[in-house]
Amino acid sequence: SAIGFEMIRDLLWHSVIKRNAVVVLDAPLLFESKSNILCKHVLLIHVPQAVQVARLQERDGKSSEECWKSLAWQMGTEEKLARSDVAIENTASREALVSAVQEAMN
């Protein structure tokens, strides 16, 4: 798919050409697309589903029902947690999230 191609292109650009030690992929459907095979480590940033629905409603202007339906076909958080190397719950401030990510990266 086009998304998969762009992700692979960016990964190659940053890891091979730019020689970055760490490459961050912002890929909400990383496991569903099986793109996790491109990753040595996976850091999952997650929120409870009710928070996710509220954020989707705010961002996309969709109804609660539409948001729940779109989440229903995605892999559940528990499965994503089991497949991830590190997990951070993103329910606090942006500063707290940045701090938690920086700590996980060290």
PDB file of N, CA and C in Angstrom:
ATOM      1  N   SER A   1       0.840  -1.194   0.000  1.00  0.00           N
ATOM      2  CA  SER A   1       0.000   0.000   0.000  1.00  0.00           C
ATOM      3  C   SER A   1       0.873   1.241   0.000  1.00  0.00           C
ATOM      4  N   ALA A   2       0.271   2.386  -0.293  1.00  0.00           N
ATOM      5  CA  ALA A   2       1.014   3.644  -0.328  1.00  0.00           C
ATOM      6  C   ALA A   2       1.558   3.984   1.049  1.00  0.00           C
ATOM      7  N   ILE A   3       0.790   3.730   2.089  1.00  0.00           N
ATOM      8  CA  ILE A   3       1.261   4.027   3.440  1.00  0.00           C
ATOM      9  C   ILE A   3       2.463   3.153   3.768  1.00  0.00           C
ATOM     10  N   GLY A   4       2.384   1.889   3.436  1.00  0.00           N
ATOM     11  CA  GLY A   4       3.502   0.988   3.684  1.00  0.00           C
ATOM     12  C   GLY A   4       4.750   1.400   2.934  1.00  0.00           C
ATOM     13  N   PHE A   5       4.589   1.803   1.688  1.00  0.00           N
ATOM     14  CA  PHE A   5       5.732   2.248   0.898  1.00  0.00           C
ATOM     15  C   PHE A   5       6.371   3.483   1.514  1.00  0.00           C
ATOM     16  N   GLU A   6       5.552   4.456   1.907  1.00  0.00           N
ATOM     17  CA  GLU A   6       6.084   5.683   2.513  1.00  0.00           C
ATOM     18  C   GLU A   6       6.818   5.379   3.814  1.00  0.00           C
ATOM     19  N   MET A   7       6.278   4.456   4.613  1.00  0.00           N
ATOM     20  CA  MET A   7       6.916   4.102   5.872  1.00  0.00           C
ATOM     21  C   MET A   7       8.274   3.447   5.613  1.00  0.00           C
ATOM     22  N   ILE A   8       8.330   2.538   4.669  1.00  0.00           N
ATOM     23  CA  ILE A   8       9.591   1.865   4.352  1.00  0.00           C
ATOM     24  C   ILE A   8      10.597   2.867   3.784  1.00  0.00           C
ATOM     25  N   ARG A   9      10.144   3.755   2.918  1.00  0.00           N
ATOM     26  CA  ARG A   9      11.026   4.781   2.353  1.00  0.00           C
ATOM     27  C   ARG A   9      11.612   5.653   3.462  1.00  0.00           C
ATOM     28  N   ASP A  10      10.764   6.106   4.385  1.00  0.00           N
ATOM     29  CA  ASP A  10      11.233   6.945   5.494  1.00  0.00           C
ATOM     30  C   ASP A  10      12.188   6.180   6.399  1.00  0.00           C
ATOM     31  N   LEU A  11      11.869   4.931   6.670  1.00  0.00           N
ATOM     32  CA  LEU A  11      12.732   4.108   7.514  1.00  0.00           C
ATOM     33  C   LEU A  11      14.114   3.956   6.871  1.00  0.00           C
ATOM     34  N   LEU A  12      14.142   3.647   5.593  1.00  0.00           N
ATOM     35  CA  LEU A  12      15.426   3.510   4.894  1.00  0.00           C
ATOM     36  C   LEU A  12      16.182   4.831   4.859  1.00  0.00           C
ATOM     37  N   TRP A  13      15.490   5.918   4.590  1.00  0.00           N
ATOM     38  CA  TRP A  13      16.135   7.231   4.530  1.00  0.00           C
ATOM     39  C   TRP A  13      16.816   7.555   5.857  1.00  0.00           C
ATOM     40  N   HIS A  14      16.079   7.390   6.955  1.00  0.00           N
ATOM     41  CA  HIS A  14      16.612   7.785   8.257  1.00  0.00           C
ATOM     42  C   HIS A  14      17.629   6.790   8.821  1.00  0.00           C
ATOM     43  N   SER A  15      17.460   5.510   8.556  1.00  0.00           N
ATOM     44  CA  SER A  15      18.373   4.535   9.151  1.00  0.00           C
ATOM     45  C   SER A  15      19.604   4.271   8.301  1.00  0.00           C
ATOM     46  N   VAL A  16      19.448   4.183   6.992  1.00  0.00           N
ATOM     47  CA  VAL A  16      20.567   3.838   6.122  1.00  0.00           C
ATOM     48  C   VAL A  16      21.286   5.084   5.606  1.00  0.00           C
ATOM     49  N   ILE A  17      20.549   5.985   5.009  1.00  0.00           N
ATOM     50  CA  ILE A  17      21.172   7.145   4.392  1.00  0.00           C
ATOM     51  C   ILE A  17      21.616   8.165   5.435  1.00  0.00           C
ATOM     52  N   LYS A  18      20.737   8.514   6.365  1.00  0.00           N
ATOM     53  CA  LYS A  18      21.077   9.501   7.385  1.00  0.00           C
ATOM     54  C   LYS A  18      21.838   8.881   8.565  1.00  0.00           C
ATOM     55  N   ARG A  19      21.842   7.562   8.635  1.00  0.00           N
ATOM     56  CA  ARG A  19      22.550   6.807   9.676  1.00  0.00           C
ATOM     57  C   ARG A  19      22.126   7.190  11.100  1.00  0.00           C
ATOM     58  N   ASN A  20      20.829   7.394  11.282  1.00  0.00           N
ATOM     59  CA  ASN A  20      20.299   7.671  12.614  1.00  0.00           C
ATOM     60  C   ASN A  20      20.227   6.371  13.403  1.00  0.00           C
ATOM     61  N   ALA A  21      20.608   6.433  14.659  1.00  0.00           N
ATOM     62  CA  ALA A  21      20.577   5.242  15.508  1.00  0.00           C
ATOM     63  C   ALA A  21      19.147   4.862  15.874  1.00  0.00           C
ATOM     64  N   VAL A  22      18.281   5.859  15.963  1.00  0.00           N
ATOM     65  CA  VAL A  22      16.888   5.616  16.335  1.00  0.00           C
ATOM     66  C   VAL A  22      15.990   6.248  15.282  1.00  0.00           C
ATOM     67  N   VAL A  23      15.028   5.482  14.814  1.00  0.00           N
ATOM     68  CA  VAL A  23      14.040   5.982  13.873  1.00  0.00           C
ATOM     69  C   VAL A  23      12.674   5.776  14.501  1.00  0.00           C
ATOM     70  N   VAL A  24      11.873   6.828  14.541  1.00  0.00           N
ATOM     71  CA  VAL A  24      10.537   6.756  15.136  1.00  0.00           C
ATOM     72  C   VAL A  24       9.507   6.661  14.021  1.00  0.00           C
ATOM     73  N   LEU A  25       8.684   5.635  14.094  1.00  0.00           N
ATOM     74  CA  LEU A  25       7.575   5.483  13.152  1.00  0.00           C
ATOM     75  C   LEU A  25       6.286   5.795  13.903  1.00  0.00           C
ATOM     76  N   ASP A  26       5.550   6.770  13.446  1.00  0.00           N
ATOM     77  CA  ASP A  26       4.238   7.081  14.008  1.00  0.00           C
ATOM     78  C   ASP A  26       3.248   6.259  13.203  1.00  0.00           C
ATOM     79  N   ALA A  27       2.948   5.072  13.705  1.00  0.00           N
ATOM     80  CA  ALA A  27       2.155   4.116  12.933  1.00  0.00           C
ATOM     81  C   ALA A  27       1.079   3.488  13.818  1.00  0.00           C
ATOM     82  N   PRO A  28      -0.084   4.137  13.906  1.00  0.00           N
ATOM     83  CA  PRO A  28      -1.148   3.611  14.761  1.00  0.00           C
ATOM     84  C   PRO A  28      -1.550   2.167  14.430  1.00  0.00           C
ATOM     85  N   LEU A  29      -1.382   1.758  13.195  1.00  0.00           N
ATOM     86  CA  LEU A  29      -1.752   0.396  12.788  1.00  0.00           C
ATOM     87  C   LEU A  29      -0.510  -0.455  12.513  1.00  0.00           C
ATOM     88  N   LEU A  30       0.532  -0.235  13.287  1.00  0.00           N
ATOM     89  CA  LEU A  30       1.810  -0.928  13.088  1.00  0.00           C
ATOM     90  C   LEU A  30       1.644  -2.439  13.084  1.00  0.00           C
ATOM     91  N   PHE A  31       0.951  -2.973  14.087  1.00  0.00           N
ATOM     92  CA  PHE A  31       0.789  -4.426  14.179  1.00  0.00           C
ATOM     93  C   PHE A  31      -0.204  -4.943  13.151  1.00  0.00           C
ATOM     94  N   GLU A  32      -1.293  -4.214  12.943  1.00  0.00           N
ATOM     95  CA  GLU A  32      -2.309  -4.658  11.985  1.00  0.00           C
ATOM     96  C   GLU A  32      -1.737  -4.731  10.576  1.00  0.00           C
ATOM     97  N   SER A  33      -0.826  -3.810  10.244  1.00  0.00           N
ATOM     98  CA  SER A  33      -0.216  -3.800   8.915  1.00  0.00           C
ATOM     99  C   SER A  33       1.012  -4.705   8.831  1.00  0.00           C
ATOM    100  N   LYS A  34       1.355  -5.321   9.964  1.00  0.00           N
ATOM    101  CA  LYS A  34       2.523  -6.194  10.078  1.00  0.00           C
ATOM    102  C   LYS A  34       3.840  -5.448   9.819  1.00  0.00           C
ATOM    103  N   SER A  35       3.813  -4.133   9.941  1.00  0.00           N
ATOM    104  CA  SER A  35       5.004  -3.320   9.749  1.00  0.00           C
ATOM    105  C   SER A  35       5.970  -3.442  10.917  1.00  0.00           C
ATOM    106  N   ASN A  36       5.514  -4.054  11.996  1.00  0.00           N
ATOM    107  CA  ASN A  36       6.394  -4.248  13.147  1.00  0.00           C
ATOM    108  C   ASN A  36       7.593  -5.136  12.803  1.00  0.00           C
ATOM    109  N   ILE A  37       7.514  -5.883  11.699  1.00  0.00           N
ATOM    110  CA  ILE A  37       8.663  -6.709  11.302  1.00  0.00           C
ATOM    111  C   ILE A  37       9.852  -5.842  10.911  1.00  0.00           C
ATOM    112  N   LEU A  38       9.604  -4.559  10.628  1.00  0.00           N
ATOM    113  CA  LEU A  38      10.677  -3.626  10.276  1.00  0.00           C
ATOM    114  C   LEU A  38      11.364  -3.059  11.514  1.00  0.00           C
ATOM    115  N   CYS A  39      10.832  -3.362  12.691  1.00  0.00           N
ATOM    116  CA  CYS A  39      11.289  -2.718  13.921  1.00  0.00           C
ATOM    117  C   CYS A  39      12.067  -3.671  14.812  1.00  0.00           C
ATOM    118  N   LYS A  40      13.163  -3.178  15.355  1.00  0.00           N
ATOM    119  CA  LYS A  40      13.926  -3.954  16.326  1.00  0.00           C
ATOM    120  C   LYS A  40      13.237  -3.898  17.689  1.00  0.00           C
ATOM    121  N   HIS A  41      12.712  -2.714  18.047  1.00  0.00           N
ATOM    122  CA  HIS A  41      11.993  -2.518  19.300  1.00  0.00           C
ATOM    123  C   HIS A  41      10.732  -1.707  19.020  1.00  0.00           C
ATOM    124  N   VAL A  42       9.690  -1.964  19.802  1.00  0.00           N
ATOM    125  CA  VAL A  42       8.440  -1.217  19.659  1.00  0.00           C
ATOM    126  C   VAL A  42       8.090  -0.584  20.990  1.00  0.00           C
ATOM    127  N   LEU A  43       7.913   0.739  20.968  1.00  0.00           N
ATOM    128  CA  LEU A  43       7.445   1.497  22.117  1.00  0.00           C
ATOM    129  C   LEU A  43       6.011   1.901  21.798  1.00  0.00           C
ATOM    130  N   LEU A  44       5.075   1.401  22.582  1.00  0.00           N
ATOM    131  CA  LEU A  44       3.657   1.669  22.364  1.00  0.00           C
ATOM    132  C   LEU A  44       3.207   2.808  23.264  1.00  0.00           C
ATOM    133  N   ILE A  45       2.610   3.824  22.674  1.00  0.00           N
ATOM    134  CA  ILE A  45       1.984   4.890  23.452  1.00  0.00           C
ATOM    135  C   ILE A  45       0.487   4.678  23.297  1.00  0.00           C
ATOM    136  N   HIS A  46      -0.192   4.485  24.422  1.00  0.00           N
ATOM    137  CA  HIS A  46      -1.605   4.113  24.371  1.00  0.00           C
ATOM    138  C   HIS A  46      -2.423   4.904  25.385  1.00  0.00           C
ATOM    139  N   VAL A  47      -3.735   4.868  25.179  1.00  0.00           N
ATOM    140  CA  VAL A  47      -4.692   5.481  26.103  1.00  0.00           C
ATOM    141  C   VAL A  47      -5.860   4.518  26.263  1.00  0.00           C
ATOM    142  N   PRO A  48      -6.625   4.647  27.349  1.00  0.00           N
ATOM    143  CA  PRO A  48      -7.851   3.857  27.454  1.00  0.00           C
ATOM    144  C   PRO A  48      -8.778   4.160  26.273  1.00  0.00           C
ATOM    145  N   GLN A  49      -9.586   3.188  25.875  1.00  0.00           N
ATOM    146  CA  GLN A  49     -10.423   3.372  24.683  1.00  0.00           C
ATOM    147  C   GLN A  49     -11.379   4.551  24.811  1.00  0.00           C
ATOM    148  N   ALA A  50     -11.909   4.803  25.991  1.00  0.00           N
ATOM    149  CA  ALA A  50     -12.825   5.939  26.153  1.00  0.00           C
ATOM    150  C   ALA A  50     -12.111   7.255  25.851  1.00  0.00           C
ATOM    151  N   VAL A  51     -10.857   7.365  26.266  1.00  0.00           N
ATOM    152  CA  VAL A  51     -10.061   8.557  25.969  1.00  0.00           C
ATOM    153  C   VAL A  51      -9.783   8.626  24.476  1.00  0.00           C
ATOM    154  N   GLN A  52      -9.479   7.494  23.881  1.00  0.00           N
ATOM    155  CA  GLN A  52      -9.219   7.446  22.441  1.00  0.00           C
ATOM    156  C   GLN A  52     -10.444   7.902  21.654  1.00  0.00           C
ATOM    157  N   VAL A  53     -11.619   7.437  22.056  1.00  0.00           N
ATOM    158  CA  VAL A  53     -12.858   7.835  21.383  1.00  0.00           C
ATOM    159  C   VAL A  53     -13.078   9.338  21.523  1.00  0.00           C
ATOM    160  N   ALA A  54     -12.898   9.871  22.717  1.00  0.00           N
ATOM    161  CA  ALA A  54     -13.076  11.311  22.932  1.00  0.00           C
ATOM    162  C   ALA A  54     -12.106  12.116  22.069  1.00  0.00           C
ATOM    163  N   ARG A  55     -10.864  11.668  21.982  1.00  0.00           N
ATOM    164  CA  ARG A  55      -9.870  12.381  21.159  1.00  0.00           C
ATOM    165  C   ARG A  55     -10.207  12.293  19.676  1.00  0.00           C
ATOM    166  N   LEU A  56     -10.683  11.118  19.228  1.00  0.00           N
ATOM    167  CA  LEU A  56     -11.094  10.975  17.830  1.00  0.00           C
ATOM    168  C   LEU A  56     -12.278  11.878  17.505  1.00  0.00           C
ATOM    169  N   GLN A  57     -13.247  11.950  18.419  1.00  0.00           N
ATOM    170  CA  GLN A  57     -14.401  12.821  18.200  1.00  0.00           C
ATOM    171  C   GLN A  57     -13.955  14.272  18.056  1.00  0.00           C
ATOM    172  N   GLU A  58     -13.065  14.689  18.928  1.00  0.00           N
ATOM    173  CA  GLU A  58     -12.584  16.063  18.893  1.00  0.00           C
ATOM    174  C   GLU A  58     -11.798  16.341  17.620  1.00  0.00           C
ATOM    175  N   ARG A  59     -10.926  15.402  17.248  1.00  0.00           N
ATOM    176  CA  ARG A  59     -10.069  15.602  16.079  1.00  0.00           C
ATOM    177  C   ARG A  59     -10.839  15.509  14.767  1.00  0.00           C
ATOM    178  N   ASP A  60     -11.697  14.470  14.648  1.00  0.00           N
ATOM    179  CA  ASP A  60     -12.345  14.175  13.369  1.00  0.00           C
ATOM    180  C   ASP A  60     -13.782  14.658  13.266  1.00  0.00           C
ATOM    181  N   GLY A  61     -14.375  15.058  14.388  1.00  0.00           N
ATOM    182  CA  GLY A  61     -15.762  15.511  14.375  1.00  0.00           C
ATOM    183  C   GLY A  61     -16.762  14.399  14.127  1.00  0.00           C
ATOM    184  N   LYS A  62     -16.383  13.162  14.445  1.00  0.00           N
ATOM    185  CA  LYS A  62     -17.283  12.025  14.242  1.00  0.00           C
ATOM    186  C   LYS A  62     -18.092  11.763  15.505  1.00  0.00           C
ATOM    187  N   SER A  63     -19.166  11.006  15.345  1.00  0.00           N
ATOM    188  CA  SER A  63     -19.988  10.634  16.499  1.00  0.00           C
ATOM    189  C   SER A  63     -19.264   9.574  17.322  1.00  0.00           C
ATOM    190  N   SER A  64     -19.689   9.433  18.545  1.00  0.00           N
ATOM    191  CA  SER A  64     -19.127   8.407  19.426  1.00  0.00           C
ATOM    192  C   SER A  64     -19.285   7.021  18.800  1.00  0.00           C
ATOM    193  N   GLU A  65     -20.453   6.767  18.240  1.00  0.00           N
ATOM    194  CA  GLU A  65     -20.730   5.465  17.620  1.00  0.00           C
ATOM    195  C   GLU A  65     -19.776   5.193  16.459  1.00  0.00           C
ATOM    196  N   GLU A  66     -19.539   6.195  15.613  1.00  0.00           N
ATOM    197  CA  GLU A  66     -18.616   6.027  14.485  1.00  0.00           C
ATOM    198  C   GLU A  66     -17.202   5.716  14.979  1.00  0.00           C
ATOM    199  N   CYS A  67     -16.793   6.396  16.031  1.00  0.00           N
ATOM    200  CA  CYS A  67     -15.452   6.172  16.579  1.00  0.00           C
ATOM    201  C   CYS A  67     -15.320   4.770  17.150  1.00  0.00           C
ATOM    202  N   TRP A  68     -16.322   4.327  17.903  1.00  0.00           N
ATOM    203  CA  TRP A  68     -16.280   2.977  18.469  1.00  0.00           C
ATOM    204  C   TRP A  68     -16.244   1.931  17.363  1.00  0.00           C
ATOM    205  N   LYS A  69     -16.991   2.158  16.285  1.00  0.00           N
ATOM    206  CA  LYS A  69     -16.988   1.213  15.165  1.00  0.00           C
ATOM    207  C   LYS A  69     -15.611   1.136  14.512  1.00  0.00           C
ATOM    208  N   SER A  70     -14.958   2.285  14.330  1.00  0.00           N
ATOM    209  CA  SER A  70     -13.636   2.270  13.689  1.00  0.00           C
ATOM    210  C   SER A  70     -12.594   1.600  14.575  1.00  0.00           C
ATOM    211  N   LEU A  71     -12.760   1.705  15.890  1.00  0.00           N
ATOM    212  CA  LEU A  71     -11.817   1.051  16.804  1.00  0.00           C
ATOM    213  C   LEU A  71     -12.075  -0.452  16.917  1.00  0.00           C
ATOM    214  N   ALA A  72     -13.299  -0.868  16.644  1.00  0.00           N
ATOM    215  CA  ALA A  72     -13.679  -2.274  16.832  1.00  0.00           C
ATOM    216  C   ALA A  72     -12.871  -3.229  15.964  1.00  0.00           C
ATOM    217  N   TRP A  73     -12.461  -2.799  14.776  1.00  0.00           N
ATOM    218  CA  TRP A  73     -11.721  -3.697  13.888  1.00  0.00           C
ATOM    219  C   TRP A  73     -10.224  -3.675  14.147  1.00  0.00           C
ATOM    220  N   GLN A  74      -9.769  -2.745  15.001  1.00  0.00           N
ATOM    221  CA  GLN A  74      -8.346  -2.669  15.307  1.00  0.00           C
ATOM    222  C   GLN A  74      -7.964  -3.691  16.383  1.00  0.00           C
ATOM    223  N   MET A  75      -6.704  -4.029  16.416  1.00  0.00           N
ATOM    224  CA  MET A  75      -6.180  -4.922  17.441  1.00  0.00           C
ATOM    225  C   MET A  75      -6.395  -4.272  18.802  1.00  0.00           C
ATOM    226  N   GLY A  76      -6.761  -5.062  19.787  1.00  0.00           N
ATOM    227  CA  GLY A  76      -7.007  -4.554  21.128  1.00  0.00           C
ATOM    228  C   GLY A  76      -5.719  -4.119  21.822  1.00  0.00           C
ATOM    229  N   THR A  77      -5.881  -3.224  22.770  1.00  0.00           N
ATOM    230  CA  THR A  77      -4.729  -2.690  23.495  1.00  0.00           C
ATOM    231  C   THR A  77      -3.954  -3.795  24.206  1.00  0.00           C
ATOM    232  N   GLU A  78      -4.645  -4.750  24.796  1.00  0.00           N
ATOM    233  CA  GLU A  78      -3.953  -5.826  25.510  1.00  0.00           C
ATOM    234  C   GLU A  78      -3.025  -6.604  24.584  1.00  0.00           C
ATOM    235  N   GLU A  79      -3.482  -6.872  23.376  1.00  0.00           N
ATOM    236  CA  GLU A  79      -2.644  -7.587  22.406  1.00  0.00           C
ATOM    237  C   GLU A  79      -1.453  -6.718  21.986  1.00  0.00           C
ATOM    238  N   LYS A  80      -1.706  -5.420  21.772  1.00  0.00           N
ATOM    239  CA  LYS A  80      -0.613  -4.514  21.418  1.00  0.00           C
ATOM    240  C   LYS A  80       0.408  -4.426  22.552  1.00  0.00           C
ATOM    241  N   LEU A  81      -0.079  -4.379  23.784  1.00  0.00           N
ATOM    242  CA  LEU A  81       0.825  -4.349  24.938  1.00  0.00           C
ATOM    243  C   LEU A  81       1.698  -5.596  24.968  1.00  0.00           C
ATOM    244  N   ALA A  82       1.102  -6.733  24.691  1.00  0.00           N
ATOM    245  CA  ALA A  82       1.840  -7.996  24.709  1.00  0.00           C
ATOM    246  C   ALA A  82       2.913  -8.045  23.624  1.00  0.00           C
ATOM    247  N   ARG A  83       2.691  -7.363  22.524  1.00  0.00           N
ATOM    248  CA  ARG A  83       3.631  -7.385  21.401  1.00  0.00           C
ATOM    249  C   ARG A  83       4.694  -6.286  21.481  1.00  0.00           C
ATOM    250  N   SER A  84       4.529  -5.350  22.403  1.00  0.00           N
ATOM    251  CA  SER A  84       5.438  -4.199  22.504  1.00  0.00           C
ATOM    252  C   SER A  84       6.542  -4.458  23.512  1.00  0.00           C
ATOM    253  N   ASP A  85       7.673  -3.820  23.304  1.00  0.00           N
ATOM    254  CA  ASP A  85       8.793  -3.923  24.232  1.00  0.00           C
ATOM    255  C   ASP A  85       8.612  -2.995  25.427  1.00  0.00           C
ATOM    256  N   VAL A  86       8.064  -1.823  25.174  1.00  0.00           N
ATOM    257  CA  VAL A  86       7.835  -0.810  26.204  1.00  0.00           C
ATOM    258  C   VAL A  86       6.479  -0.187  25.927  1.00  0.00           C
ATOM    259  N   ALA A  87       5.748   0.156  26.989  1.00  0.00           N
ATOM    260  CA  ALA A  87       4.446   0.805  26.817  1.00  0.00           C
ATOM    261  C   ALA A  87       4.345   2.000  27.754  1.00  0.00           C
ATOM    262  N   ILE A  88       3.749   3.059  27.233  1.00  0.00           N
ATOM    263  CA  ILE A  88       3.540   4.280  28.003  1.00  0.00           C
ATOM    264  C   ILE A  88       2.080   4.671  27.847  1.00  0.00           C
ATOM    265  N   GLU A  89       1.402   4.885  28.976  1.00  0.00           N
ATOM    266  CA  GLU A  89       0.019   5.351  28.916  1.00  0.00           C
ATOM    267  C   GLU A  89       0.021   6.871  28.811  1.00  0.00           C
ATOM    268  N   ASN A  90      -0.671   7.384  27.814  1.00  0.00           N
ATOM    269  CA  ASN A  90      -0.669   8.813  27.508  1.00  0.00           C
ATOM    270  C   ASN A  90      -1.947   9.480  28.018  1.00  0.00           C
ATOM    271  N   THR A  91      -2.091   9.567  29.340  1.00  0.00           N
ATOM    272  CA  THR A  91      -3.265  10.216  29.908  1.00  0.00           C
ATOM    273  C   THR A  91      -2.902  11.462  30.712  1.00  0.00           C
ATOM    274  N   ALA A  92      -1.631  11.786  30.789  1.00  0.00           N
ATOM    275  CA  ALA A  92      -1.193  12.965  31.534  1.00  0.00           C
ATOM    276  C   ALA A  92      -0.889  14.095  30.546  1.00  0.00           C
ATOM    277  N   SER A  93      -0.073  15.018  30.952  1.00  0.00           N
ATOM    278  CA  SER A  93       0.276  16.169  30.122  1.00  0.00           C
ATOM    279  C   SER A  93       1.250  15.781  29.011  1.00  0.00           C
ATOM    280  N   ARG A  94       1.377  16.667  28.040  1.00  0.00           N
ATOM    281  CA  ARG A  94       2.346  16.462  26.949  1.00  0.00           C
ATOM    282  C   ARG A  94       3.766  16.390  27.526  1.00  0.00           C
ATOM    283  N   GLU A  95       4.044  17.224  28.523  1.00  0.00           N
ATOM    284  CA  GLU A  95       5.366  17.234  29.151  1.00  0.00           C
ATOM    285  C   GLU A  95       5.658  15.881  29.817  1.00  0.00           C
ATOM    286  N   ALA A  96       4.659  15.318  30.474  1.00  0.00           N
ATOM    287  CA  ALA A  96       4.835  14.008  31.113  1.00  0.00           C
ATOM    288  C   ALA A  96       5.088  12.929  30.062  1.00  0.00           C
ATOM    289  N   LEU A  97       4.404  13.013  28.933  1.00  0.00           N
ATOM    290  CA  LEU A  97       4.612  12.040  27.853  1.00  0.00           C
ATOM    291  C   LEU A  97       6.025  12.155  27.301  1.00  0.00           C
ATOM    292  N   VAL A  98       6.462  13.368  27.028  1.00  0.00           N
ATOM    293  CA  VAL A  98       7.821  13.579  26.502  1.00  0.00           C
ATOM    294  C   VAL A  98       8.842  13.028  27.488  1.00  0.00           C
ATOM    295  N   SER A  99       8.657  13.293  28.751  1.00  0.00           N
ATOM    296  CA  SER A  99       9.570  12.799  29.779  1.00  0.00           C
ATOM    297  C   SER A  99       9.598  11.267  29.811  1.00  0.00           C
ATOM    298  N   ALA A 100       8.426  10.649  29.738  1.00  0.00           N
ATOM    299  CA  ALA A 100       8.346   9.184  29.763  1.00  0.00           C
ATOM    300  C   ALA A 100       9.014   8.575  28.535  1.00  0.00           C
ATOM    301  N   VAL A 101       8.835   9.192  27.370  1.00  0.00           N
ATOM    302  CA  VAL A 101       9.470   8.696  26.144  1.00  0.00           C
ATOM    303  C   VAL A 101      10.986   8.835  26.248  1.00  0.00           C
ATOM    304  N   GLN A 102      11.439   9.991  26.726  1.00  0.00           N
ATOM    305  CA  GLN A 102      12.881  10.187  26.877  1.00  0.00           C
ATOM    306  C   GLN A 102      13.476   9.168  27.839  1.00  0.00           C
ATOM    307  N   GLU A 103      12.774   8.893  28.920  1.00  0.00           N
ATOM    308  CA  GLU A 103      13.257   7.896  29.888  1.00  0.00           C
ATOM    309  C   GLU A 103      13.306   6.506  29.249  1.00  0.00           C
ATOM    310  N   ALA A 104      12.295   6.169  28.487  1.00  0.00           N
ATOM    311  CA  ALA A 104      12.261   4.851  27.825  1.00  0.00           C
ATOM    312  C   ALA A 104      13.359   4.701  26.789  1.00  0.00           C
ATOM    313  N   MET A 105      13.753   5.801  26.176  1.00  0.00           N
ATOM    314  CA  MET A 105      14.781   5.763  25.133  1.00  0.00           C
ATOM    315  C   MET A 105      16.178   5.642  25.699  1.00  0.00           C
ATOM    316  N   ASN A 106      16.346   5.913  26.968  1.00  0.00           N
ATOM    317  CA  ASN A 106      17.686   5.829  27.589  1.00  0.00           C
ATOM    318  C   ASN A 106      17.989   4.444  28.102  1.00  0.00           C
TER     319      ASN A 106
END
